[in-house]
Amino acid sequence: MPTTRTLATAVFVTDPITHETLLVQPGTQITDPAIAEQITHPDAWASEPPRHPRRAKAEAP
């Protein structure tokens, strides 16, 4: 299952199939790894919420 990341800023990328330059807007969710690997600046990505480990249900006394 591909990882989805969201852009925080507009970026230019090259379409891996057509080789056209694309302007991708902030808020766009990127699922294509060929596009995501072109976006190398860490500030281009929106912050991801912290992941919390699953917690077991509290046992009844």
N, C-alpha and C. Protein backbone atom coordinates (compact mmCIF):
# COMPACT_ATOMS: atom_id res chain seq x y z
N MET A 1 0.86 -1.18 0.00
CA MET A 1 0.00 0.00 0.00
C MET A 1 0.90 1.24 0.00
N PRO A 2 0.70 2.15 -0.95
CA PRO A 2 1.56 3.33 -1.03
C PRO A 2 1.31 4.29 0.12
N THR A 3 2.37 4.96 0.50
CA THR A 3 2.29 5.98 1.54
C THR A 3 1.75 7.26 0.92
N THR A 4 0.83 7.91 1.62
CA THR A 4 0.29 9.18 1.16
C THR A 4 0.88 10.29 2.01
N ARG A 5 1.39 11.32 1.34
CA ARG A 5 1.91 12.49 2.02
C ARG A 5 1.24 13.72 1.41
N THR A 6 1.15 14.79 2.20
CA THR A 6 0.48 16.01 1.77
C THR A 6 1.50 17.14 1.63
N LEU A 7 1.34 17.91 0.57
CA LEU A 7 2.25 19.02 0.33
C LEU A 7 1.87 20.24 1.18
N ALA A 8 2.89 20.93 1.67
CA ALA A 8 2.69 22.17 2.43
C ALA A 8 2.89 23.38 1.54
N THR A 9 3.56 23.21 0.42
CA THR A 9 3.87 24.32 -0.47
C THR A 9 3.78 23.83 -1.92
N ALA A 10 3.66 24.76 -2.84
CA ALA A 10 3.60 24.40 -4.27
C ALA A 10 4.99 23.95 -4.73
N VAL A 11 5.01 22.93 -5.58
CA VAL A 11 6.28 22.43 -6.12
C VAL A 11 6.10 22.11 -7.61
N PHE A 12 7.21 22.15 -8.32
CA PHE A 12 7.24 21.70 -9.70
C PHE A 12 7.84 20.30 -9.73
N VAL A 13 7.20 19.40 -10.47
CA VAL A 13 7.70 18.04 -10.66
C VAL A 13 7.57 17.68 -12.13
N THR A 14 8.24 16.62 -12.53
CA THR A 14 8.14 16.13 -13.90
C THR A 14 7.28 14.88 -13.90
N ASP A 15 6.24 14.89 -14.73
CA ASP A 15 5.39 13.72 -14.86
C ASP A 15 6.24 12.56 -15.38
N PRO A 16 6.26 11.42 -14.67
CA PRO A 16 7.14 10.33 -15.08
C PRO A 16 6.73 9.67 -16.40
N ILE A 17 5.51 9.87 -16.85
CA ILE A 17 5.05 9.24 -18.09
C ILE A 17 5.18 10.20 -19.27
N THR A 18 4.65 11.43 -19.12
CA THR A 18 4.63 12.37 -20.24
C THR A 18 5.85 13.28 -20.27
N HIS A 19 6.60 13.32 -19.16
CA HIS A 19 7.78 14.18 -19.01
C HIS A 19 7.44 15.67 -19.06
N GLU A 20 6.17 16.00 -18.80
CA GLU A 20 5.75 17.40 -18.71
C GLU A 20 6.06 17.92 -17.32
N THR A 21 6.33 19.22 -17.22
CA THR A 21 6.52 19.85 -15.93
C THR A 21 5.15 20.19 -15.36
N LEU A 22 4.92 19.77 -14.12
CA LEU A 22 3.63 20.00 -13.46
C LEU A 22 3.83 20.87 -12.23
N LEU A 23 2.88 21.75 -11.98
CA LEU A 23 2.86 22.53 -10.75
C LEU A 23 1.84 21.87 -9.84
N VAL A 24 2.31 21.38 -8.71
CA VAL A 24 1.44 20.70 -7.76
C VAL A 24 1.21 21.64 -6.59
N GLN A 25 -0.05 21.87 -6.26
CA GLN A 25 -0.45 22.88 -5.28
C GLN A 25 -0.40 22.35 -3.84
N PRO A 26 -0.26 23.27 -2.86
CA PRO A 26 -0.29 22.87 -1.45
C PRO A 26 -1.61 22.18 -1.12
N GLY A 27 -1.53 21.21 -0.25
CA GLY A 27 -2.72 20.46 0.15
C GLY A 27 -2.95 19.22 -0.71
N THR A 28 -2.21 19.09 -1.80
CA THR A 28 -2.34 17.92 -2.66
C THR A 28 -1.75 16.70 -1.96
N GLN A 29 -2.47 15.61 -1.99
CA GLN A 29 -1.97 14.36 -1.42
C GLN A 29 -1.23 13.60 -2.51
N ILE A 30 0.01 13.25 -2.23
CA ILE A 30 0.86 12.56 -3.18
C ILE A 30 0.93 11.09 -2.79
N THR A 31 0.53 10.21 -3.71
CA THR A 31 0.60 8.77 -3.46
C THR A 31 1.57 8.08 -4.41
N ASP A 32 1.91 8.72 -5.52
CA ASP A 32 2.79 8.13 -6.52
C ASP A 32 4.25 8.27 -6.06
N PRO A 33 4.94 7.16 -5.82
CA PRO A 33 6.33 7.25 -5.38
C PRO A 33 7.24 7.95 -6.39
N ALA A 34 6.95 7.85 -7.68
CA ALA A 34 7.77 8.50 -8.70
C ALA A 34 7.67 10.02 -8.59
N ILE A 35 6.55 10.52 -8.13
CA ILE A 35 6.38 11.96 -7.91
C ILE A 35 7.02 12.34 -6.57
N ALA A 36 6.73 11.57 -5.53
CA ALA A 36 7.22 11.88 -4.18
C ALA A 36 8.74 11.93 -4.12
N GLU A 37 9.42 11.06 -4.85
CA GLU A 37 10.88 11.05 -4.78
C GLU A 37 11.51 12.29 -5.42
N GLN A 38 10.76 13.01 -6.22
CA GLN A 38 11.26 14.25 -6.81
C GLN A 38 11.21 15.42 -5.83
N ILE A 39 10.41 15.29 -4.80
CA ILE A 39 10.22 16.38 -3.83
C ILE A 39 11.16 16.12 -2.66
N THR A 40 12.34 16.73 -2.74
CA THR A 40 13.39 16.41 -1.78
C THR A 40 13.51 17.40 -0.63
N HIS A 41 12.93 18.57 -0.76
CA HIS A 41 13.05 19.56 0.32
C HIS A 41 12.07 19.20 1.43
N PRO A 42 12.56 19.00 2.66
CA PRO A 42 11.67 18.56 3.74
C PRO A 42 10.57 19.55 4.07
N ASP A 43 10.80 20.85 3.83
CA ASP A 43 9.77 21.85 4.14
C ASP A 43 8.63 21.85 3.14
N ALA A 44 8.76 21.13 2.04
CA ALA A 44 7.69 21.05 1.06
C ALA A 44 6.54 20.18 1.56
N TRP A 45 6.84 19.32 2.51
CA TRP A 45 5.83 18.39 3.03
C TRP A 45 5.16 18.94 4.29
N ALA A 46 3.86 18.70 4.40
CA ALA A 46 3.12 19.08 5.60
C ALA A 46 3.55 18.18 6.75
N SER A 47 3.49 18.69 7.95
CA SER A 47 3.83 17.89 9.13
C SER A 47 2.85 16.75 9.26
N GLU A 48 3.39 15.61 9.60
CA GLU A 48 2.53 14.45 9.82
C GLU A 48 2.22 14.39 11.30
N PRO A 49 0.96 14.03 11.64
CA PRO A 49 0.63 13.92 13.07
C PRO A 49 1.47 12.81 13.70
N PRO A 50 1.84 12.98 14.95
CA PRO A 50 2.65 11.94 15.60
C PRO A 50 1.87 10.63 15.68
N ARG A 51 2.59 9.55 15.48
CA ARG A 51 1.96 8.23 15.56
C ARG A 51 2.11 7.70 16.98
N HIS A 52 1.00 7.21 17.50
CA HIS A 52 1.01 6.65 18.85
C HIS A 52 0.86 5.14 18.73
N PRO A 53 1.61 4.41 19.52
CA PRO A 53 1.45 2.95 19.48
C PRO A 53 0.07 2.57 20.00
N ARG A 54 -0.42 1.45 19.52
CA ARG A 54 -1.73 0.99 20.00
C ARG A 54 -1.63 0.69 21.48
N ARG A 55 -2.65 1.07 22.18
CA ARG A 55 -2.68 0.82 23.62
C ARG A 55 -3.68 -0.29 23.89
N ALA A 56 -3.33 -1.16 24.78
CA ALA A 56 -4.24 -2.22 25.18
C ALA A 56 -5.35 -1.62 26.03
N LYS A 57 -6.51 -2.23 25.96
CA LYS A 57 -7.62 -1.77 26.80
C LYS A 57 -7.26 -2.02 28.27
N ALA A 58 -7.68 -1.09 29.10
CA ALA A 58 -7.41 -1.23 30.52
C ALA A 58 -8.17 -2.44 31.06
N GLU A 59 -7.49 -3.19 31.89
CA GLU A 59 -8.14 -4.38 32.46
C GLU A 59 -9.05 -3.94 33.59
N ALA A 60 -10.20 -4.60 33.66
CA ALA A 60 -11.14 -4.30 34.74
C ALA A 60 -10.59 -4.86 36.05
N PRO A 61 -10.78 -4.10 37.17
CA PRO A 61 -10.26 -4.58 38.46
C PRO A 61 -10.97 -5.78 38.99
